[in-house]
Amino acid sequence: MNILLTGASRGLGLAIAKQQLELGHSVFVVNRTVSRELGELLQRYKERAVFVECDLAEPTTIKEAVFDRIFGNDVPIHGFVSNAAVAYDDLVSNLDPALVESMFRVNVFAPMVLTKLVIRNMLLHRTDGSMVHVSSICSHKGFKGLAMYAATKGAVEAFSKNVAREWGSKGIRSNCVVPGFMETSMSSALSDADREKIFSRTSLRAATSIQSVASTVGYLLSDASSSVTGQEFVVDSGTI
């Protein structure tokens, strides 16, 4: 399979890329830059790992940067994982419209544009494809300071569910994975006390495993989930 994946510099995206490459699939990684970890992975699997440079904060550039240059009309896409995201954390009383708009460009507008172009590719090649959008439990359970970020993830979940309804008749599936708090760079800004407070609310009293979330994404990309679409899969150590 050919997998299009955004946001694989580190953390969850890197784990998804590694799992899919180990399964023998080709992974096209859309990132603005190449981290050391991603660079090592690209070198290890250079026959099947392709770096696609694109700034998702500029959604109008996606078609040319990703599809015109890399895919054209020749390369079919079998799976798409929208993982790239940025977080703007603050109280609503301090909301900065410019920062909110910038976050929506990456977290919502870019996945929408990519979904549109992926669907066109799948229709062209008559592919029974799978799309997976990575959301967050913030869109289901309130957390102080994360209202704006949660709004972007809620938008993506609603979008994904309606895409599933629109394109299921063509064999195209769309689902969301909803991770809990993982030990990633995005959560590294939290203090030890805040992390302990969050993890103590989970049934497992632990951070959500990055590998567990990546494996759930892999399941939704695979034929094992051929009858699953329009769903949200919560992987959160029992937080909700």
Protein backbone atom coordinates (compact mmCIF):
# COMPACT_ATOMS: atom_id res chain seq x y z
CA MET A 1 0.00 0.00 0.00
CA ASN A 2 0.96 3.63 -0.47
CA ILE A 3 0.31 5.63 2.70
CA LEU A 4 0.22 9.43 2.83
CA LEU A 5 1.07 10.64 6.34
CA THR A 6 1.37 14.15 7.76
CA GLY A 7 3.40 15.09 10.81
CA ALA A 8 6.00 12.36 11.32
CA SER A 9 8.96 14.22 12.78
CA ARG A 10 8.59 12.53 16.16
CA GLY A 11 6.11 10.99 18.58
CA LEU A 12 2.96 9.41 17.18
CA GLY A 13 3.57 10.27 13.53
CA LEU A 14 7.04 8.74 13.64
CA ALA A 15 5.64 5.59 15.27
CA ILE A 16 2.93 5.30 12.59
CA ALA A 17 5.50 5.71 9.82
CA LYS A 18 7.77 3.09 11.36
CA GLN A 19 4.96 0.55 11.84
CA GLN A 20 3.72 0.94 8.27
CA LEU A 21 7.22 0.69 6.80
CA GLU A 22 7.91 -2.45 8.87
CA LEU A 23 4.75 -3.95 7.36
CA GLY A 24 6.21 -3.43 3.89
CA HIS A 25 4.13 -0.43 2.85
CA SER A 26 5.42 2.74 1.19
CA VAL A 27 5.02 5.89 3.26
CA PHE A 28 4.96 9.42 1.86
CA VAL A 29 5.71 11.74 4.77
CA VAL A 30 4.44 15.33 4.49
CA ASN A 31 6.47 17.57 6.78
CA ARG A 32 7.91 21.05 6.76
CA THR A 33 11.32 19.81 7.94
CA VAL A 34 13.14 16.54 8.65
CA SER A 35 13.98 15.80 12.27
CA ARG A 36 16.96 13.63 13.18
CA GLU A 37 14.67 10.71 14.02
CA LEU A 38 12.70 11.03 10.80
CA GLY A 39 15.92 11.37 8.80
CA GLU A 40 17.19 8.08 10.22
CA LEU A 41 13.92 6.37 9.30
CA LEU A 42 13.99 7.77 5.77
CA GLN A 43 17.55 6.51 5.34
CA ARG A 44 16.74 3.05 6.71
CA TYR A 45 13.78 2.58 4.37
CA LYS A 46 14.93 4.80 1.50
CA GLU A 47 13.31 2.56 -1.12
CA ARG A 48 9.83 2.98 0.41
CA ALA A 49 10.00 6.13 2.54
CA VAL A 50 9.54 9.43 0.72
CA PHE A 51 9.84 12.89 2.26
CA VAL A 52 7.44 15.49 0.85
CA GLU A 53 8.26 19.04 1.88
CA CYS A 54 5.17 21.14 2.53
CA ASP A 55 4.12 23.79 5.04
CA LEU A 56 0.59 22.80 6.09
CA ALA A 57 0.09 26.27 7.53
CA GLU A 58 -0.35 27.30 3.88
CA PRO A 59 -3.12 24.95 2.66
CA THR A 60 -3.27 26.58 -0.78
CA THR A 61 0.20 25.19 -1.55
CA ILE A 62 -0.70 21.56 -0.81
CA LYS A 63 -1.90 20.56 -4.29
CA GLU A 64 1.27 21.67 -6.02
CA ALA A 65 3.71 20.58 -3.32
CA VAL A 66 2.23 17.14 -2.66
CA PHE A 67 0.01 16.00 -5.51
CA ASP A 68 1.36 17.72 -8.62
CA ARG A 69 5.01 16.96 -7.74
CA ILE A 70 4.73 13.53 -6.11
CA PHE A 71 1.57 11.71 -7.13
CA GLY A 72 0.25 13.22 -10.35
CA ASN A 73 -2.11 10.78 -12.04
CA ASP A 74 0.23 7.80 -11.78
CA VAL A 75 0.64 6.87 -8.10
CA PRO A 76 -2.40 5.54 -6.23
CA ILE A 77 -2.98 6.38 -2.58
CA HIS A 78 -4.41 3.54 -0.49
CA GLY A 79 -4.30 5.16 2.93
CA PHE A 80 -4.16 8.68 4.34
CA VAL A 81 -3.30 9.59 7.94
CA SER A 82 -3.83 13.20 9.02
CA ASN A 83 -1.64 13.49 12.10
CA ALA A 84 0.05 16.91 11.88
CA ALA A 85 -1.27 19.44 14.37
CA VAL A 86 -0.24 22.46 16.38
CA ALA A 87 -1.59 23.50 19.76
CA TYR A 88 -2.45 26.98 20.95
CA ASP A 89 -2.98 26.71 24.70
CA ASP A 90 -4.54 29.58 26.61
CA LEU A 91 -7.64 30.62 28.49
CA VAL A 92 -10.55 31.71 26.32
CA SER A 93 -10.46 35.14 28.00
CA ASN A 94 -7.01 35.62 26.41
CA LEU A 95 -8.00 34.36 22.94
CA ASP A 96 -5.87 35.76 20.13
CA PRO A 97 -7.78 35.53 16.81
CA ALA A 98 -4.57 35.45 14.76
CA LEU A 99 -3.21 32.48 16.68
CA VAL A 100 -6.54 30.66 16.49
CA GLU A 101 -6.68 31.21 12.73
CA SER A 102 -3.13 29.92 12.32
CA MET A 103 -3.99 26.79 14.30
CA PHE A 104 -7.13 26.17 12.24
CA ARG A 105 -5.10 26.37 9.03
CA VAL A 106 -2.89 23.47 10.14
CA ASN A 107 -5.38 21.41 12.16
CA VAL A 108 -8.54 21.81 10.06
CA PHE A 109 -8.09 23.48 6.68
CA ALA A 110 -5.02 21.43 5.67
CA PRO A 111 -6.69 18.06 6.49
CA MET A 112 -9.78 19.16 4.54
CA VAL A 113 -7.74 20.07 1.46
CA LEU A 114 -5.71 16.86 1.71
CA THR A 115 -8.88 14.79 2.09
CA LYS A 116 -10.34 16.39 -1.04
CA LEU A 117 -7.21 15.58 -3.06
CA VAL A 118 -6.87 12.06 -1.62
CA ILE A 119 -10.49 11.29 -2.54
CA ARG A 120 -9.86 12.46 -6.10
CA ASN A 121 -6.81 10.19 -6.29
CA MET A 122 -8.78 7.22 -4.94
CA LEU A 123 -11.61 7.82 -7.40
CA LEU A 124 -9.16 8.07 -10.29
CA HIS A 125 -7.54 4.75 -9.38
CA ARG A 126 -10.78 3.15 -8.15
CA THR A 127 -9.15 2.48 -4.82
CA ASP A 128 -11.02 1.17 -1.77
CA GLY A 129 -9.07 3.51 0.47
CA SER A 130 -8.95 4.38 4.14
CA MET A 131 -8.51 7.80 5.74
CA VAL A 132 -7.63 8.24 9.41
CA HIS A 133 -7.75 11.59 11.20
CA VAL A 134 -5.95 11.88 14.52
CA SER A 135 -8.12 13.78 16.99
CA SER A 136 -7.79 14.26 20.75
CA ILE A 137 -9.78 13.53 23.90
CA CYS A 138 -9.81 17.30 24.36
CA SER A 139 -12.75 17.33 21.95
CA HIS A 140 -14.69 14.97 24.25
CA LYS A 141 -13.57 15.94 27.74
CA GLY A 142 -12.86 19.49 28.86
CA PHE A 143 -9.38 20.61 29.89
CA LYS A 144 -8.47 24.06 31.15
CA GLY A 145 -6.65 26.10 28.52
CA LEU A 146 -7.40 23.77 25.62
CA ALA A 147 -10.77 25.07 24.40
CA MET A 148 -9.42 26.48 21.12
CA TYR A 149 -7.34 23.38 20.37
CA ALA A 150 -10.31 21.14 21.20
CA ALA A 151 -12.45 23.12 18.77
CA THR A 152 -10.11 22.20 15.90
CA LYS A 153 -10.28 18.52 16.77
CA GLY A 154 -14.06 18.60 17.11
CA ALA A 155 -14.26 20.12 13.65
CA VAL A 156 -12.10 17.35 12.20
CA GLU A 157 -14.24 14.63 13.82
CA ALA A 158 -17.44 16.11 12.37
CA PHE A 159 -15.76 16.45 8.98
CA SER A 160 -14.52 12.85 9.00
CA LYS A 161 -17.93 11.41 9.88
CA ASN A 162 -19.61 13.26 7.02
CA VAL A 163 -16.87 12.29 4.56
CA ALA A 164 -17.55 8.66 5.50
CA ARG A 165 -21.23 9.12 4.65
CA GLU A 166 -20.49 10.91 1.36
CA TRP A 167 -17.96 8.45 -0.06
CA GLY A 168 -18.72 5.06 1.47
CA SER A 169 -20.55 3.99 -1.69
CA LYS A 170 -17.22 4.28 -3.52
CA GLY A 171 -15.43 2.08 -1.00
CA ILE A 172 -13.69 5.01 0.69
CA ARG A 173 -13.64 4.90 4.49
CA SER A 174 -12.99 7.72 6.98
CA ASN A 175 -12.41 7.31 10.71
CA CYS A 176 -10.86 9.13 13.65
CA VAL A 177 -8.48 7.95 16.34
CA VAL A 178 -8.89 9.87 19.59
CA PRO A 179 -5.75 9.57 21.72
CA GLY A 180 -5.45 10.49 25.36
CA PHE A 181 -2.44 12.35 26.73
CA MET A 182 0.75 10.76 25.42
CA GLU A 183 4.35 11.49 26.37
CA THR A 184 5.06 13.64 23.32
CA SER A 185 6.63 17.01 22.59
CA MET A 186 3.15 18.56 22.61
CA SER A 187 2.55 17.47 26.22
CA SER A 188 6.13 18.13 27.35
CA ALA A 189 5.23 21.71 28.29
CA LEU A 190 3.05 20.38 31.12
CA SER A 191 4.55 20.41 34.59
CA ASP A 192 5.16 17.13 36.39
CA ALA A 193 2.29 17.98 38.73
CA ASP A 194 -0.10 18.62 35.83
CA ARG A 195 0.92 15.38 34.10
CA GLU A 196 0.43 13.42 37.31
CA LYS A 197 -3.00 14.99 37.78
CA ILE A 198 -4.03 14.03 34.23
CA PHE A 199 -2.72 10.47 34.46
CA SER A 200 -4.30 9.91 37.88
CA ARG A 201 -7.72 10.42 36.26
CA THR A 202 -7.23 7.50 33.88
CA SER A 203 -8.38 3.96 34.63
CA LEU A 204 -4.87 2.64 33.94
CA ARG A 205 -3.19 5.46 35.90
CA ALA A 206 -0.76 5.93 33.05
CA ALA A 207 -0.01 7.93 29.93
CA THR A 208 -1.53 6.67 26.70
CA SER A 209 0.91 4.43 24.83
CA ILE A 210 2.10 5.92 21.54
CA GLN A 211 2.53 2.42 20.13
CA SER A 212 -1.05 1.52 21.06
CA VAL A 213 -2.40 4.56 19.23
CA ALA A 214 -0.18 3.84 16.21
CA SER A 215 -1.43 0.24 16.12
CA THR A 216 -5.04 1.47 16.17
CA VAL A 217 -4.26 3.70 13.18
CA GLY A 218 -2.70 0.67 11.48
CA TYR A 219 -5.84 -1.37 12.10
CA LEU A 220 -8.01 1.31 10.47
CA LEU A 221 -5.69 1.43 7.46
CA SER A 222 -5.81 -2.34 7.02
CA ASP A 223 -8.37 -4.64 5.43
CA ALA A 224 -9.15 -5.95 8.93
CA SER A 225 -11.33 -2.85 9.38
CA SER A 226 -12.99 -3.04 5.95
CA SER A 227 -16.47 -2.62 7.46
CA VAL A 228 -15.53 0.24 9.79
CA THR A 229 -16.20 3.84 8.79
CA GLY A 230 -17.53 7.06 10.29
CA GLN A 231 -16.28 6.14 13.77
CA GLU A 232 -14.12 7.58 16.55
CA PHE A 233 -11.76 5.13 18.23
CA VAL A 234 -10.79 6.36 21.71
CA VAL A 235 -7.36 5.21 22.92
CA ASP A 236 -6.87 7.04 26.21
CA SER A 237 -5.96 4.63 29.03
CA GLY A 238 -9.55 4.93 30.21
CA THR A 239 -9.84 8.69 30.63
CA ILE A 240 -13.32 9.23 29.18
